[in-house]
Protein backbone atom coordinates (compact mmCIF):
# COMPACT_ATOMS: atom_id res chain seq x y z
CA MET A 1 -1.78 -186.49 46.20
CA ALA A 2 -1.68 -183.27 44.48
CA ARG A 3 -0.09 -180.32 46.00
CA PRO A 4 -2.48 -177.01 46.94
CA MET A 5 -2.32 -174.62 44.26
CA LEU A 6 -0.42 -171.51 45.52
CA ALA A 7 -1.65 -168.14 44.17
CA SER A 8 2.24 -167.86 42.76
CA ASP A 9 0.95 -170.54 40.44
CA LEU A 10 -1.33 -168.29 39.14
CA VAL A 11 0.79 -165.46 38.07
CA ASP A 12 2.08 -165.36 34.50
CA GLU A 13 5.96 -165.33 34.12
CA GLY A 14 6.87 -161.78 33.73
CA ARG A 15 3.61 -160.49 35.28
CA PRO A 16 3.90 -159.34 38.93
CA ALA A 17 1.73 -161.12 41.55
CA ALA A 18 -1.49 -159.94 42.65
CA LEU A 19 -1.28 -157.13 45.52
CA THR A 20 -2.21 -158.42 48.84
CA PHE A 21 -3.37 -156.23 52.37
CA ASP A 22 0.28 -156.50 52.88
CA ASP A 23 1.57 -154.69 49.97
CA VAL A 24 -0.72 -151.67 51.57
CA PRO A 25 1.95 -149.18 52.89
CA PRO A 26 1.43 -148.92 57.06
CA GLU A 27 0.85 -145.23 57.24
CA PHE A 28 -2.97 -145.78 54.89
CA ARG A 29 -3.97 -148.80 57.52
CA PRO A 30 -6.68 -147.70 59.70
CA SER A 31 -4.39 -148.46 62.75
CA ASN A 32 -2.15 -145.59 61.73
CA TRP A 33 -4.80 -142.92 61.22
CA ARG A 34 -3.43 -140.76 64.38
CA ARG A 35 0.16 -140.45 62.18
CA TRP A 36 -2.36 -137.85 60.00
CA LEU A 37 -3.25 -135.87 63.01
CA GLY A 38 0.06 -133.66 62.23
CA LYS A 39 -1.22 -132.79 58.70
CA VAL A 40 -4.81 -131.53 59.76
CA LYS A 41 -5.03 -127.77 59.58
CA THR A 42 -7.63 -125.51 60.91
CA ARG A 43 -9.08 -125.39 57.21
CA HIS A 44 -9.77 -129.08 57.71
CA VAL A 45 -11.68 -128.66 60.68
CA ALA A 46 -13.40 -125.12 60.42
CA GLU A 47 -16.97 -126.01 59.07
CA ALA A 48 -16.82 -128.67 62.17
CA LEU A 49 -15.94 -126.04 64.64
CA VAL A 50 -18.85 -123.78 63.18
CA SER A 51 -20.96 -126.59 63.95
CA GLU A 52 -20.02 -126.69 67.78
CA ILE A 53 -17.65 -130.16 67.27
CA GLU A 54 -15.26 -130.47 69.93
CA GLU A 55 -12.00 -129.51 68.28
CA LYS A 56 -10.14 -132.72 69.41
CA ARG A 57 -13.14 -134.76 68.29
CA ALA A 58 -13.27 -132.43 64.50
CA ARG A 59 -9.08 -132.98 64.15
CA GLU A 60 -9.60 -136.43 64.95
CA MET A 61 -12.19 -136.91 62.12
CA ALA A 62 -10.24 -134.97 59.65
CA ALA A 63 -7.33 -137.23 60.32
CA SER A 64 -9.26 -140.21 59.78
CA GLU A 65 -10.69 -138.95 56.59
CA MET A 66 -7.68 -137.91 55.04
CA ARG A 67 -6.04 -141.32 55.74
CA SER A 68 -9.05 -143.18 54.21
CA ASP A 69 -8.58 -140.34 51.10
CA ALA A 70 -5.02 -141.45 50.59
CA TYR A 71 -5.84 -145.06 50.91
CA CYS A 72 -8.82 -144.61 48.00
CA GLN A 73 -5.91 -142.88 46.08
CA TRP A 74 -3.58 -145.80 46.52
CA LEU A 75 -6.20 -148.28 45.55
CA ALA A 76 -6.72 -146.45 42.74
CA ASP A 77 -3.11 -145.99 41.61
CA HIS A 78 -3.13 -149.82 41.61
CA ASP A 79 -6.48 -150.27 39.53
CA LEU A 80 -8.45 -151.39 42.63
CA ALA A 81 -10.75 -148.74 42.91
CA THR A 82 -14.18 -148.17 40.76
CA PRO A 83 -14.35 -145.37 38.11
CA SER A 84 -16.29 -143.35 40.88
CA GLY A 85 -13.08 -143.92 43.30
CA ARG A 86 -14.60 -146.37 45.94
CA PRO A 87 -12.65 -149.21 46.57
CA LEU A 88 -13.30 -152.68 44.65
CA ARG A 89 -15.04 -155.24 46.99
CA GLY A 90 -12.73 -156.90 49.44
CA TRP A 91 -10.67 -153.76 49.51
CA ASP A 92 -12.48 -151.61 51.99
CA SER A 93 -11.08 -150.09 54.87
CA THR A 94 -13.49 -152.12 57.09
CA SER A 95 -11.78 -155.55 55.18
CA LEU A 96 -8.09 -153.99 55.41
CA ALA A 97 -8.92 -153.43 59.35
CA ARG A 98 -10.01 -157.15 59.84
CA TRP A 99 -7.14 -158.11 58.18
CA GLU A 100 -4.63 -155.82 60.39
CA ASP A 101 -6.38 -156.92 63.53
CA SER A 102 -5.52 -160.89 62.77
CA GLN A 103 -2.03 -159.86 62.29
C-alpha cells in the first residue's frame, strides 16, 4: 500500500515549503487583538467619539482594525492577497480564527 502524499512531497528542492497558519506571527492572530490596544491613539478613535461611541468600544474597534490591517499587509508581503489587498480564499481572518480555535 502506498503511503499518503505529504505537503513536503510537493515542494521542489530549493523552493521553500508553502506557508500555513502556523507561519502567521502571533501578533497578527485574531485572539491577540488586545495587544494592539496600546498602539491606539486619539486620532484613531476621534471620529467614533464624535459619533458618541463609548471610548472603550472605539479603542477596541480601532485595535481590531489595526491588527486586521497588519495581517493583510503580512499576507500581501507573502503573495497571499489579491491586488486590492484582500486575503486570498482560505486566508481570511475568519479561517485563521477557526484554525486558531482548533489548536
